[in-house]
C-alpha atoms as a PDB file:
ATOM      1  CA  MET A   1     135.943 290.170  12.497  1.00  0.00           C
ATOM      2  CA  GLU A   2     137.206 293.302  14.208  1.00  0.00           C
ATOM      3  CA  ARG A   3     137.761 296.232  11.917  1.00  0.00           C
ATOM      4  CA  TYR A   4     140.914 298.349  11.888  1.00  0.00           C
ATOM      5  CA  THR A   5     141.108 302.020  11.017  1.00  0.00           C
ATOM      6  CA  PHE A   6     144.000 303.626   9.150  1.00  0.00           C
ATOM      7  CA  SER A   7     144.610 307.349   8.951  1.00  0.00           C
ATOM      8  CA  SER A   8     145.361 307.284   5.215  1.00  0.00           C
ATOM      9  CA  SER A   9     146.059 305.030   2.267  1.00  0.00           C
ATOM     10  CA  SER A  10     149.623 306.363   2.211  1.00  0.00           C
ATOM     11  CA  GLN A  11     150.145 304.923   5.684  1.00  0.00           C
ATOM     12  CA  ILE A  12     149.370 301.415   4.430  1.00  0.00           C
ATOM     13  CA  THR A  13     151.521 301.904   1.345  1.00  0.00           C
ATOM     14  CA  HIS A  14     154.351 303.061   3.608  1.00  0.00           C
ATOM     15  CA  ILE A  15     153.942 299.923   5.723  1.00  0.00           C
ATOM     16  CA  ILE A  16     154.208 297.727   2.638  1.00  0.00           C
ATOM     17  CA  ILE A  17     157.335 299.551   1.433  1.00  0.00           C
ATOM     18  CA  LEU A  18     159.007 299.306   4.841  1.00  0.00           C
ATOM     19  CA  THR A  19     158.234 295.602   5.039  1.00  0.00           C
ATOM     20  CA  CYS A  20     159.707 294.956   1.608  1.00  0.00           C
ATOM     21  CA  VAL A  21     162.993 296.557   2.717  1.00  0.00           C
ATOM     22  CA  PHE A  22     163.599 293.546   4.960  1.00  0.00           C
ATOM     23  CA  VAL A  23     163.323 291.052   2.119  1.00  0.00           C
ATOM     24  CA  VAL A  24     166.530 289.430   0.904  1.00  0.00           C
ATOM     25  CA  MET A  25     166.091 286.698  -1.713  1.00  0.00           C
ATOM     26  CA  SER A  26     168.394 285.410  -4.415  1.00  0.00           C
ATOM     27  CA  ALA A  27     167.493 285.848  -8.060  1.00  0.00           C
ATOM     28  CA  THR A  28     166.765 282.138  -8.380  1.00  0.00           C
ATOM     29  CA  LEU A  29     163.847 282.529  -6.024  1.00  0.00           C
ATOM     30  CA  VAL A  30     162.111 285.244  -7.991  1.00  0.00           C
ATOM     31  CA  HIS A  31     162.397 284.028 -11.550  1.00  0.00           C
ATOM     32  CA  GLY A  32     160.947 280.997 -13.242  1.00  0.00           C
ATOM     33  CA  GLN A  33     159.105 279.677 -16.277  1.00  0.00           C
ATOM     34  CA  GLY A  34     159.229 282.986 -18.145  1.00  0.00           C
ATOM     35  CA  THR A  35     158.116 285.228 -15.278  1.00  0.00           C
ATOM     36  CA  ARG A  36     160.363 287.820 -13.705  1.00  0.00           C
ATOM     37  CA  VAL A  37     160.294 290.514 -11.068  1.00  0.00           C
ATOM     38  CA  GLY A  38     159.526 293.892 -12.587  1.00  0.00           C
ATOM     39  CA  PHE A  39     157.916 292.493 -15.737  1.00  0.00           C
ATOM     40  CA  TYR A  40     155.697 295.590 -16.045  1.00  0.00           C
ATOM     41  CA  ALA A  41     158.427 298.142 -15.237  1.00  0.00           C
ATOM     42  CA  THR A  42     158.194 299.775 -18.653  1.00  0.00           C
ATOM     43  CA  THR A  43     154.786 298.703 -19.974  1.00  0.00           C
ATOM     44  CA  CYS A  44     152.797 299.538 -16.835  1.00  0.00           C
ATOM     45  CA  PRO A  45     155.059 301.036 -14.146  1.00  0.00           C
ATOM     46  CA  ARG A  46     152.223 301.522 -11.641  1.00  0.00           C
ATOM     47  CA  ALA A  47     150.868 297.981 -11.943  1.00  0.00           C
ATOM     48  CA  GLU A  48     152.034 296.697  -8.559  1.00  0.00           C
ATOM     49  CA  SER A  49     151.194 299.898  -6.700  1.00  0.00           C
ATOM     50  CA  ILE A  50     147.673 299.887  -8.156  1.00  0.00           C
ATOM     51  CA  VAL A  51     147.125 296.327  -6.956  1.00  0.00           C
ATOM     52  CA  SER A  52     148.544 296.980  -3.492  1.00  0.00           C
ATOM     53  CA  SER A  53     146.508 300.152  -2.970  1.00  0.00           C
ATOM     54  CA  THR A  54     143.346 298.373  -4.138  1.00  0.00           C
ATOM     55  CA  VAL A  55     143.908 295.494  -1.741  1.00  0.00           C
ATOM     56  CA  ALA A  56     144.600 297.977   1.064  1.00  0.00           C
ATOM     57  CA  THR A  57     141.364 299.847   0.368  1.00  0.00           C
ATOM     58  CA  HIS A  58     139.286 296.684   0.563  1.00  0.00           C
ATOM     59  CA  PHE A  59     141.241 295.518   3.616  1.00  0.00           C
ATOM     60  CA  ARG A  60     140.346 298.685   5.483  1.00  0.00           C
ATOM     61  CA  ALA A  61     136.662 297.960   4.865  1.00  0.00           C
ATOM     62  CA  ASN A  62     136.973 294.265   5.722  1.00  0.00           C
ATOM     63  CA  PRO A  63     140.247 292.702   6.980  1.00  0.00           C
ATOM     64  CA  ALA A  64     138.799 289.232   6.309  1.00  0.00           C
ATOM     65  CA  ILE A  65     139.434 289.867   2.627  1.00  0.00           C
ATOM     66  CA  ALA A  66     143.167 289.249   3.135  1.00  0.00           C
ATOM     67  CA  PRO A  67     143.058 285.507   3.897  1.00  0.00           C
ATOM     68  CA  ALA A  68     140.341 285.129   1.270  1.00  0.00           C
ATOM     69  CA  LEU A  69     142.670 286.421  -1.455  1.00  0.00           C
ATOM     70  CA  LEU A  70     145.505 284.170  -0.288  1.00  0.00           C
ATOM     71  CA  ARG A  71     143.181 281.170  -0.445  1.00  0.00           C
ATOM     72  CA  MET A  72     141.899 282.130  -3.893  1.00  0.00           C
ATOM     73  CA  HIS A  73     145.453 282.259  -5.268  1.00  0.00           C
ATOM     74  CA  PHE A  74     146.154 278.797  -3.839  1.00  0.00           C
ATOM     75  CA  HIS A  75     142.972 277.371  -5.373  1.00  0.00           C
ATOM     76  CA  ASP A  76     143.832 278.938  -8.715  1.00  0.00           C
ATOM     77  CA  CYS A  77     147.373 277.568  -8.867  1.00  0.00           C
ATOM     78  CA  PHE A  78     146.383 273.998  -8.003  1.00  0.00           C
ATOM     79  CA  VAL A  79     144.086 273.727 -11.022  1.00  0.00           C
ATOM     80  CA  ARG A  80     145.681 274.297 -14.459  1.00  0.00           C
ATOM     81  CA  GLY A  81     148.434 276.352 -12.864  1.00  0.00           C
ATOM     82  CA  CYS A  82     148.354 280.020 -11.887  1.00  0.00           C
ATOM     83  CA  ASP A  83     146.298 281.272 -14.827  1.00  0.00           C
ATOM     84  CA  ALA A  84     143.292 282.956 -13.169  1.00  0.00           C
ATOM     85  CA  SER A  85     141.007 280.147 -14.389  1.00  0.00           C
ATOM     86  CA  VAL A  86     139.299 280.220 -10.988  1.00  0.00           C
ATOM     87  CA  LEU A  87     137.937 283.689 -11.793  1.00  0.00           C
ATOM     88  CA  ILE A  88     135.955 282.695 -14.886  1.00  0.00           C
ATOM     89  CA  ASP A  89     132.148 282.765 -14.646  1.00  0.00           C
ATOM     90  CA  GLY A  90     129.874 280.177 -16.251  1.00  0.00           C
ATOM     91  CA  SER A  91     128.327 276.788 -15.710  1.00  0.00           C
ATOM     92  CA  ASN A  92     130.699 273.966 -14.834  1.00  0.00           C
ATOM     93  CA  THR A  93     133.639 276.320 -14.301  1.00  0.00           C
ATOM     94  CA  GLU A  94     136.063 276.001 -11.384  1.00  0.00           C
ATOM     95  CA  LYS A  95     134.119 278.696  -9.585  1.00  0.00           C
ATOM     96  CA  THR A  96     131.041 276.427  -9.431  1.00  0.00           C
ATOM     97  CA  ALA A  97     132.834 273.397  -7.943  1.00  0.00           C
ATOM     98  CA  PRO A  98     132.187 272.547  -4.252  1.00  0.00           C
ATOM     99  CA  PRO A  99     135.765 273.322  -3.081  1.00  0.00           C
ATOM    100  CA  ASN A 100     135.457 276.842  -4.524  1.00  0.00           C
ATOM    101  CA  LEU A 101     131.935 277.794  -3.488  1.00  0.00           C
ATOM    102  CA  GLY A 102     133.260 279.526  -0.386  1.00  0.00           C
ATOM    103  CA  LEU A 103     135.896 281.589  -2.196  1.00  0.00           C
ATOM    104  CA  ARG A 104     135.602 285.335  -1.647  1.00  0.00           C
ATOM    105  CA  GLY A 105     137.364 288.448  -2.893  1.00  0.00           C
ATOM    106  CA  TYR A 106     136.458 288.438  -6.570  1.00  0.00           C
ATOM    107  CA  GLU A 107     135.429 292.083  -6.280  1.00  0.00           C
ATOM    108  CA  VAL A 108     138.971 293.044  -5.220  1.00  0.00           C
ATOM    109  CA  ILE A 109     140.483 291.493  -8.329  1.00  0.00           C
ATOM    110  CA  ASP A 110     137.800 293.082 -10.528  1.00  0.00           C
ATOM    111  CA  ASP A 111     138.418 296.478  -8.935  1.00  0.00           C
ATOM    112  CA  ALA A 112     142.170 296.264  -9.537  1.00  0.00           C
ATOM    113  CA  LYS A 113     141.611 295.071 -13.109  1.00  0.00           C
ATOM    114  CA  THR A 114     139.305 298.003 -13.877  1.00  0.00           C
ATOM    115  CA  GLN A 115     141.932 300.462 -12.662  1.00  0.00           C
ATOM    116  CA  LEU A 116     144.721 298.717 -14.551  1.00  0.00           C
ATOM    117  CA  GLU A 117     142.729 298.654 -17.785  1.00  0.00           C
ATOM    118  CA  ALA A 118     142.243 302.405 -17.423  1.00  0.00           C
ATOM    119  CA  ALA A 119     145.965 302.970 -16.826  1.00  0.00           C
ATOM    120  CA  CYS A 120     147.448 300.315 -19.113  1.00  0.00           C
ATOM    121  CA  PRO A 121     144.851 298.664 -21.387  1.00  0.00           C
ATOM    122  CA  GLY A 122     145.497 295.041 -22.275  1.00  0.00           C
ATOM    123  CA  ILE A 123     148.793 294.801 -20.409  1.00  0.00           C
ATOM    124  CA  VAL A 124     148.361 293.269 -16.937  1.00  0.00           C
ATOM    125  CA  SER A 125     146.926 289.760 -16.604  1.00  0.00           C
ATOM    126  CA  CYS A 126     144.342 288.718 -14.066  1.00  0.00           C
ATOM    127  CA  ALA A 127     146.696 285.907 -13.029  1.00  0.00           C
ATOM    128  CA  ASP A 128     149.356 288.447 -12.055  1.00  0.00           C
ATOM    129  CA  ILE A 129     146.805 290.582 -10.222  1.00  0.00           C
ATOM    130  CA  LEU A 130     145.828 287.555  -8.138  1.00  0.00           C
ATOM    131  CA  ALA A 131     149.439 286.626  -7.361  1.00  0.00           C
ATOM    132  CA  LEU A 132     150.254 290.198  -6.304  1.00  0.00           C
ATOM    133  CA  ALA A 133     147.063 290.530  -4.270  1.00  0.00           C
ATOM    134  CA  ALA A 134     147.873 287.361  -2.325  1.00  0.00           C
ATOM    135  CA  ARG A 135     151.295 288.734  -1.385  1.00  0.00           C
ATOM    136  CA  ASP A 136     149.900 292.150  -0.468  1.00  0.00           C
ATOM    137  CA  SER A 137     147.242 290.527   1.708  1.00  0.00           C
ATOM    138  CA  VAL A 138     149.857 288.701   3.780  1.00  0.00           C
ATOM    139  CA  VAL A 139     151.886 291.894   4.117  1.00  0.00           C
ATOM    140  CA  LEU A 140     148.889 293.785   5.464  1.00  0.00           C
ATOM    141  CA  LEU A 141     148.201 291.158   8.120  1.00  0.00           C
ATOM    142  CA  ALA A 142     151.844 290.575   8.956  1.00  0.00           C
ATOM    143  CA  SER A 143     153.066 294.147   9.211  1.00  0.00           C
ATOM    144  CA  SER A 144     150.080 296.192  10.329  1.00  0.00           C
ATOM    145  CA  ILE A 145     151.127 298.522  13.107  1.00  0.00           C
ATOM    146  CA  PHE A 146     147.959 297.474  14.902  1.00  0.00           C
ATOM    147  CA  MET A 147     149.090 293.840  15.010  1.00  0.00           C
ATOM    148  CA  ARG A 148     152.867 294.348  15.320  1.00  0.00           C
ATOM    149  CA  THR A 149     153.965 290.898  14.221  1.00  0.00           C
ATOM    150  CA  GLY A 150     157.027 291.894  12.253  1.00  0.00           C
ATOM    151  CA  GLY A 151     156.163 289.809   9.220  1.00  0.00           C
ATOM    152  CA  ARG A 152     157.995 289.617   5.909  1.00  0.00           C
ATOM    153  CA  SER A 153     157.153 290.150   2.281  1.00  0.00           C
ATOM    154  CA  TRP A 154     158.492 288.610  -0.903  1.00  0.00           C
ATOM    155  CA  LEU A 155     159.158 289.707  -4.453  1.00  0.00           C
ATOM    156  CA  VAL A 156     156.531 288.448  -6.896  1.00  0.00           C
ATOM    157  CA  PRO A 157     157.687 287.478 -10.391  1.00  0.00           C
ATOM    158  CA  THR A 158     155.135 288.584 -12.985  1.00  0.00           C
ATOM    159  CA  GLY A 159     154.500 287.996 -16.652  1.00  0.00           C
ATOM    160  CA  ARG A 160     151.760 285.351 -16.387  1.00  0.00           C
ATOM    161  CA  ARG A 161     149.024 285.218 -18.985  1.00  0.00           C
ATOM    162  CA  ASP A 162     145.431 284.185 -18.400  1.00  0.00           C
ATOM    163  CA  GLY A 163     144.045 280.786 -19.275  1.00  0.00           C
ATOM    164  CA  ARG A 164     141.050 280.223 -21.507  1.00  0.00           C
ATOM    165  CA  VAL A 165     139.737 277.028 -19.903  1.00  0.00           C
ATOM    166  CA  SER A 166     138.016 276.526 -16.549  1.00  0.00           C
ATOM    167  CA  LEU A 167     136.450 273.159 -15.645  1.00  0.00           C
ATOM    168  CA  SER A 168     134.809 272.242 -12.356  1.00  0.00           C
ATOM    169  CA  SER A 169     135.802 268.601 -12.905  1.00  0.00           C
ATOM    170  CA  GLU A 170     139.476 269.494 -12.550  1.00  0.00           C
ATOM    171  CA  THR A 171     139.163 270.815  -8.999  1.00  0.00           C
ATOM    172  CA  THR A 172     139.871 267.284  -7.756  1.00  0.00           C
ATOM    173  CA  ASP A 173     143.500 268.447  -7.899  1.00  0.00           C
ATOM    174  CA  LEU A 174     142.791 270.525  -4.794  1.00  0.00           C
ATOM    175  CA  PRO A 175     143.711 268.863  -1.460  1.00  0.00           C
ATOM    176  CA  GLY A 176     140.629 268.026   0.601  1.00  0.00           C
ATOM    177  CA  PHE A 177     139.922 268.584   4.296  1.00  0.00           C
ATOM    178  CA  ARG A 178     140.000 264.817   5.007  1.00  0.00           C
ATOM    179  CA  GLU A 179     142.989 264.113   2.768  1.00  0.00           C
ATOM    180  CA  SER A 180     145.610 261.655   3.991  1.00  0.00           C
ATOM    181  CA  ILE A 181     149.224 262.784   4.258  1.00  0.00           C
ATOM    182  CA  ASP A 182     150.237 260.486   1.410  1.00  0.00           C
ATOM    183  CA  SER A 183     147.551 261.973  -0.814  1.00  0.00           C
ATOM    184  CA  GLN A 184     148.487 265.519   0.173  1.00  0.00           C
ATOM    185  CA  LYS A 185     152.114 264.791  -0.632  1.00  0.00           C
ATOM    186  CA  GLN A 186     151.146 263.382  -4.009  1.00  0.00           C
ATOM    187  CA  LYS A 187     149.058 266.415  -4.941  1.00  0.00           C
ATOM    188  CA  PHE A 188     151.737 268.884  -3.864  1.00  0.00           C
ATOM    189  CA  SER A 189     154.488 266.867  -5.573  1.00  0.00           C
ATOM    190  CA  ALA A 190     152.479 266.880  -8.790  1.00  0.00           C
ATOM    191  CA  LYS A 191     152.787 270.678  -8.741  1.00  0.00           C
ATOM    192  CA  GLY A 192     156.510 270.598  -8.034  1.00  0.00           C
ATOM    193  CA  LEU A 193     155.896 271.481  -4.386  1.00  0.00           C
ATOM    194  CA  LYS A 194     157.023 268.303  -2.625  1.00  0.00           C
ATOM    195  CA  GLN A 195     159.022 270.195   0.006  1.00  0.00           C
ATOM    196  CA  ASP A 196     156.425 272.939   0.457  1.00  0.00           C
ATOM    197  CA  LEU A 197     153.369 271.129   1.828  1.00  0.00           C
ATOM    198  CA  VAL A 198     153.846 272.037   5.499  1.00  0.00           C
ATOM    199  CA  VAL A 199     154.973 275.591   4.738  1.00  0.00           C
ATOM    200  CA  LEU A 200     151.990 276.428   2.539  1.00  0.00           C
ATOM    201  CA  VAL A 201     149.493 274.835   4.915  1.00  0.00           C
ATOM    202  CA  GLY A 202     150.981 277.242   7.454  1.00  0.00           C
ATOM    203  CA  GLY A 203     148.969 279.877   5.608  1.00  0.00           C
ATOM    204  CA  HIS A 204     146.091 278.669   7.762  1.00  0.00           C
ATOM    205  CA  THR A 205     147.486 280.955  10.440  1.00  0.00           C
ATOM    206  CA  ILE A 206     144.879 283.352   9.016  1.00  0.00           C
ATOM    207  CA  GLY A 207     141.385 282.844   7.684  1.00  0.00           C
ATOM    208  CA  THR A 208     138.375 280.750   8.572  1.00  0.00           C
ATOM    209  CA  THR A 209     136.604 277.551   7.595  1.00  0.00           C
ATOM    210  CA  ALA A 210     133.004 276.383   7.881  1.00  0.00           C
ATOM    211  CA  CYS A 211     131.733 274.008  10.550  1.00  0.00           C
ATOM    212  CA  GLN A 212     130.658 271.540   7.869  1.00  0.00           C
ATOM    213  CA  PHE A 213     134.303 270.851   7.048  1.00  0.00           C
ATOM    214  CA  PHE A 214     135.330 269.675  10.503  1.00  0.00           C
ATOM    215  CA  SER A 215     132.287 269.154  12.774  1.00  0.00           C
ATOM    216  CA  TYR A 216     132.297 265.439  11.890  1.00  0.00           C
ATOM    217  CA  ARG A 217     135.465 265.252  13.999  1.00  0.00           C
ATOM    218  CA  LEU A 218     133.504 266.313  17.065  1.00  0.00           C
ATOM    219  CA  TYR A 219     130.627 263.853  16.955  1.00  0.00           C
ATOM    220  CA  ASN A 220     130.725 260.135  16.077  1.00  0.00           C
ATOM    221  CA  PHE A 221     134.102 260.375  14.379  1.00  0.00           C
ATOM    222  CA  ASN A 222     134.460 257.440  11.975  1.00  0.00           C
ATOM    223  CA  GLY A 223     131.480 255.750  13.643  1.00  0.00           C
ATOM    224  CA  THR A 224     133.130 255.648  17.067  1.00  0.00           C
ATOM    225  CA  ALA A 225     130.359 257.584  18.863  1.00  0.00           C
ATOM    226  CA  SER A 226     133.173 259.821  20.109  1.00  0.00           C
ATOM    227  CA  SER A 227     135.381 262.662  18.905  1.00  0.00           C
ATOM    228  CA  ASP A 228     138.588 262.506  16.905  1.00  0.00           C
ATOM    229  CA  PRO A 229     141.240 261.443  19.455  1.00  0.00           C
ATOM    230  CA  ALA A 230     143.714 263.832  17.802  1.00  0.00           C
ATOM    231  CA  ILE A 231     141.719 266.785  19.200  1.00  0.00           C
ATOM    232  CA  ASN A 232     142.983 268.071  22.543  1.00  0.00           C
ATOM    233  CA  ALA A 233     140.365 267.158  25.169  1.00  0.00           C
ATOM    234  CA  SER A 234     140.476 270.673  26.636  1.00  0.00           C
ATOM    235  CA  PHE A 235     139.882 272.191  23.183  1.00  0.00           C
ATOM    236  CA  LEU A 236     136.914 269.990  22.334  1.00  0.00           C
ATOM    237  CA  PRO A 237     134.273 271.898  24.388  1.00  0.00           C
ATOM    238  CA  GLN A 238     135.262 275.140  22.629  1.00  0.00           C
ATOM    239  CA  LEU A 239     134.764 273.573  19.212  1.00  0.00           C
ATOM    240  CA  GLU A 240     131.475 271.973  20.257  1.00  0.00           C
ATOM    241  CA  ALA A 241     130.221 275.372  21.401  1.00  0.00           C
ATOM    242  CA  LEU A 242     131.196 276.916  18.082  1.00  0.00           C
ATOM    243  CA  CYS A 243     129.720 274.093  16.019  1.00  0.00           C
ATOM    244  CA  PRO A 244     126.885 272.332  17.908  1.00  0.00           C
ATOM    245  CA  GLN A 245     125.777 268.947  16.637  1.00  0.00           C
ATOM    246  CA  ASN A 246     123.219 269.414  13.830  1.00  0.00           C
ATOM    247  CA  GLY A 247     123.945 273.158  13.939  1.00  0.00           C
ATOM    248  CA  ASP A 248     124.589 275.628  11.122  1.00  0.00           C
ATOM    249  CA  GLY A 249     127.207 274.017   8.897  1.00  0.00           C
ATOM    250  CA  THR A 250     128.004 277.301   7.162  1.00  0.00           C
ATOM    251  CA  LYS A 251     129.109 279.075  10.345  1.00  0.00           C
ATOM    252  CA  ARG A 252     132.711 280.258  10.011  1.00  0.00           C
ATOM    253  CA  VAL A 253     135.389 279.398  12.567  1.00  0.00           C
ATOM    254  CA  ALA A 254     138.970 280.690  12.635  1.00  0.00           C
ATOM    255  CA  PHE A 255     141.708 278.233  11.679  1.00  0.00           C
ATOM    256  CA  ASP A 256     144.026 279.738  14.278  1.00  0.00           C
ATOM    257  CA  THR A 257     141.841 280.264  17.324  1.00  0.00           C
ATOM    258  CA  GLY A 258     144.663 281.969  19.212  1.00  0.00           C
ATOM    259  CA  SER A 259     145.714 284.673  16.754  1.00  0.00           C
ATOM    260  CA  GLU A 260     143.447 284.550  13.741  1.00  0.00           C
ATOM    261  CA  ASN A 261     144.143 288.198  12.816  1.00  0.00           C
ATOM    262  CA  ARG A 262     147.923 287.820  12.661  1.00  0.00           C
ATOM    263  CA  PHE A 263     150.120 286.153  10.092  1.00  0.00           C
ATOM    264  CA  ASP A 264     152.476 284.261  12.376  1.00  0.00           C
ATOM    265  CA  ALA A 265     153.576 280.683  13.046  1.00  0.00           C
ATOM    266  CA  SER A 266     151.184 279.870  15.890  1.00  0.00           C
ATOM    267  CA  SER A 267     149.200 277.488  13.713  1.00  0.00           C
ATOM    268  CA  PHE A 268     152.103 275.040  13.999  1.00  0.00           C
ATOM    269  CA  ALA A 269     151.937 275.189  17.794  1.00  0.00           C
ATOM    270  CA  ASN A 270     148.228 274.494  17.474  1.00  0.00           C
ATOM    271  CA  LEU A 271     148.979 271.289  15.557  1.00  0.00           C
ATOM    272  CA  ARG A 272     151.456 270.230  18.240  1.00  0.00           C
ATOM    273  CA  ASP A 273     148.843 270.909  20.914  1.00  0.00           C
ATOM    274  CA  GLY A 274     145.997 269.057  19.172  1.00  0.00           C
ATOM    275  CA  ARG A 275     144.211 272.267  18.241  1.00  0.00           C
ATOM    276  CA  GLY A 276     144.240 271.918  14.471  1.00  0.00           C
ATOM    277  CA  ILE A 277     140.800 272.581  13.001  1.00  0.00           C
ATOM    278  CA  LEU A 278     140.925 270.575   9.781  1.00  0.00           C
ATOM    279  CA  GLU A 279     141.692 266.863   9.933  1.00  0.00           C
ATOM    280  CA  SER A 280     144.083 267.215   6.984  1.00  0.00           C
ATOM    281  CA  ASP A 281     146.043 269.898   8.869  1.00  0.00           C
ATOM    282  CA  GLN A 282     146.216 267.966  12.138  1.00  0.00           C
ATOM    283  CA  LYS A 283     147.624 264.978  10.281  1.00  0.00           C
ATOM    284  CA  LEU A 284     150.760 267.033   9.624  1.00  0.00           C
ATOM    285  CA  TRP A 285     151.569 266.493  13.310  1.00  0.00           C
ATOM    286  CA  THR A 286     150.271 262.961  13.786  1.00  0.00           C
ATOM    287  CA  ASP A 287     152.251 261.728  10.767  1.00  0.00           C
ATOM    288  CA  ALA A 288     155.933 261.311  11.624  1.00  0.00           C
ATOM    289  CA  SER A 289     157.091 262.236   8.114  1.00  0.00           C
ATOM    290  CA  THR A 290     155.741 265.782   8.382  1.00  0.00           C
ATOM    291  CA  ARG A 291     155.947 266.298  12.164  1.00  0.00           C
ATOM    292  CA  ALA A 292     159.667 267.064  12.000  1.00  0.00           C
ATOM    293  CA  ILE A 293     159.005 269.893   9.553  1.00  0.00           C
ATOM    294  CA  VAL A 294     156.240 271.316  11.752  1.00  0.00           C
ATOM    295  CA  GLN A 295     158.677 271.281  14.685  1.00  0.00           C
ATOM    296  CA  ARG A 296     161.087 273.502  12.735  1.00  0.00           C
ATOM    297  CA  PHE A 297     158.554 276.307  12.828  1.00  0.00           C
ATOM    298  CA  LEU A 298     157.881 276.298  16.567  1.00  0.00           C
ATOM    299  CA  GLY A 299     159.070 279.116  18.827  1.00  0.00           C
ATOM    300  CA  ILE A 300     160.734 282.426  17.986  1.00  0.00           C
ATOM    301  CA  THR A 301     163.381 280.935  15.704  1.00  0.00           C
ATOM    302  CA  GLY A 302     160.639 278.927  14.028  1.00  0.00           C
ATOM    303  CA  LEU A 303     158.724 282.101  13.243  1.00  0.00           C
ATOM    304  CA  ALA A 304     161.766 283.639  11.572  1.00  0.00           C
ATOM    305  CA  ALA A 305     162.276 280.492   9.505  1.00  0.00           C
ATOM    306  CA  PHE A 306     158.610 280.369   8.536  1.00  0.00           C
ATOM    307  CA  ASN A 307     158.592 284.006   7.405  1.00  0.00           C
ATOM    308  CA  VAL A 308     161.422 283.293   4.962  1.00  0.00           C
ATOM    309  CA  GLU A 309     160.256 279.885   3.779  1.00  0.00           C
ATOM    310  CA  PHE A 310     156.654 280.932   3.259  1.00  0.00           C
ATOM    311  CA  GLY A 311     157.761 283.592   0.783  1.00  0.00           C
ATOM    312  CA  ARG A 312     159.964 281.098  -1.028  1.00  0.00           C
ATOM    313  CA  SER A 313     157.178 278.541  -1.239  1.00  0.00           C
ATOM    314  CA  MET A 314     154.706 281.139  -2.459  1.00  0.00           C
ATOM    315  CA  VAL A 315     157.082 282.117  -5.251  1.00  0.00           C
ATOM    316  CA  LYS A 316     157.426 278.458  -6.245  1.00  0.00           C
ATOM    317  CA  MET A 317     153.672 277.923  -6.148  1.00  0.00           C
ATOM    318  CA  SER A 318     152.974 281.107  -8.110  1.00  0.00           C
ATOM    319  CA  ASN A 319     155.161 279.757 -10.929  1.00  0.00           C
ATOM    320  CA  THR A 320     153.204 276.510 -11.153  1.00  0.00           C
ATOM    321  CA  GLY A 321     152.048 275.811 -14.691  1.00  0.00           C
ATOM    322  CA  VAL A 322     152.101 279.481 -15.675  1.00  0.00           C
ATOM    323  CA  LYS A 323     151.312 280.608 -19.214  1.00  0.00           C
ATOM    324  CA  THR A 324     153.748 283.106 -20.692  1.00  0.00           C
ATOM    325  CA  GLY A 325     154.775 284.482 -24.068  1.00  0.00           C
ATOM    326  CA  THR A 326     152.059 283.778 -26.625  1.00  0.00           C
ATOM    327  CA  ASP A 327     150.279 281.154 -24.509  1.00  0.00           C
ATOM    328  CA  GLY A 328     146.939 282.222 -23.050  1.00  0.00           C
ATOM    329  CA  GLU A 329     145.708 285.806 -23.227  1.00  0.00           C
ATOM    330  CA  ILE A 330     145.369 289.051 -21.283  1.00  0.00           C
ATOM    331  CA  ARG A 331     141.688 289.146 -20.344  1.00  0.00           C
ATOM    332  CA  LYS A 332     139.812 292.406 -20.647  1.00  0.00           C
ATOM    333  CA  ILE A 333     137.705 291.431 -17.632  1.00  0.00           C
ATOM    334  CA  CYS A 334     138.762 288.745 -15.203  1.00  0.00           C
ATOM    335  CA  SER A 335     135.471 286.866 -15.095  1.00  0.00           C
ATOM    336  CA  ALA A 336     135.342 286.021 -18.815  1.00  0.00           C
ATOM    337  CA  ILE A 337     137.681 284.971 -21.594  1.00  0.00           C
ATOM    338  CA  ASN A 338     138.076 287.428 -24.455  1.00  0.00           C
ATOM    339  CA  SER A 339     135.715 287.158 -27.394  1.00  0.00           C
END
């Protein structure tokens, strides 16, 4: 992925601050289940700025870290709620399960945690670091002056505590790349996100996936000796060139082949045009029950709507099954529960 150069860390911080100025959300959208915006205002005033500057530093070295952190937050919240259980090392933990083997960005969370423990020992949870890092990642891709997409930010309620359990067997809660619409709806509804499926999948406007998760659509799809008919015929040769039959299944391909470095709404146009990479994503267009929602996010007005609704849905997701109060713990290091 192309690298971008910034003149200073203050420039990125300034971008984040300017972006946040445009955010207008009601209090009901930024509070829930014991979390609140500004939770660390007195106990660790620099908590959010430390996380944002850490994410920015890693982003400058590798912009691909931004979608990786967004994906990690999603994978965390869908298993046991947003409790940083995905970060725990060990055999048979979530981290070892097939859906999570491709997760990246652990070093960013560890870096932020080290700095926060130096500034405010035992105060800021790994779960909150991950939620903040996901937001800051989107801001960097959406508002970078080098990409000029005019994206939005959102206020992140904090106050989560870290979980003490992480089981690979529970990652079946994560939606799969071949998942039917009915199954996707069920899994999102189980997390209180029934109305947020299409919006959150829109996060695939950034990031990549491996050939092994969609190349079956290109060759002998469902035993038909042909490709998935949902793929646009003019798009098929491009995908075949990227992922040759019997080729390297680990090769990474952008979800949004038109603007993979920008957080925008073009992934919805891709679904309309038969250019969705994952079968589960493309089904959002082929299924009538979700197509109408996809259509809302097409065009310029659709982009504006998506910017607002994505932030709302992220706030809802980040409050899924959170541990607060005396539940859970504040880990000393994010990869292990406290002794």
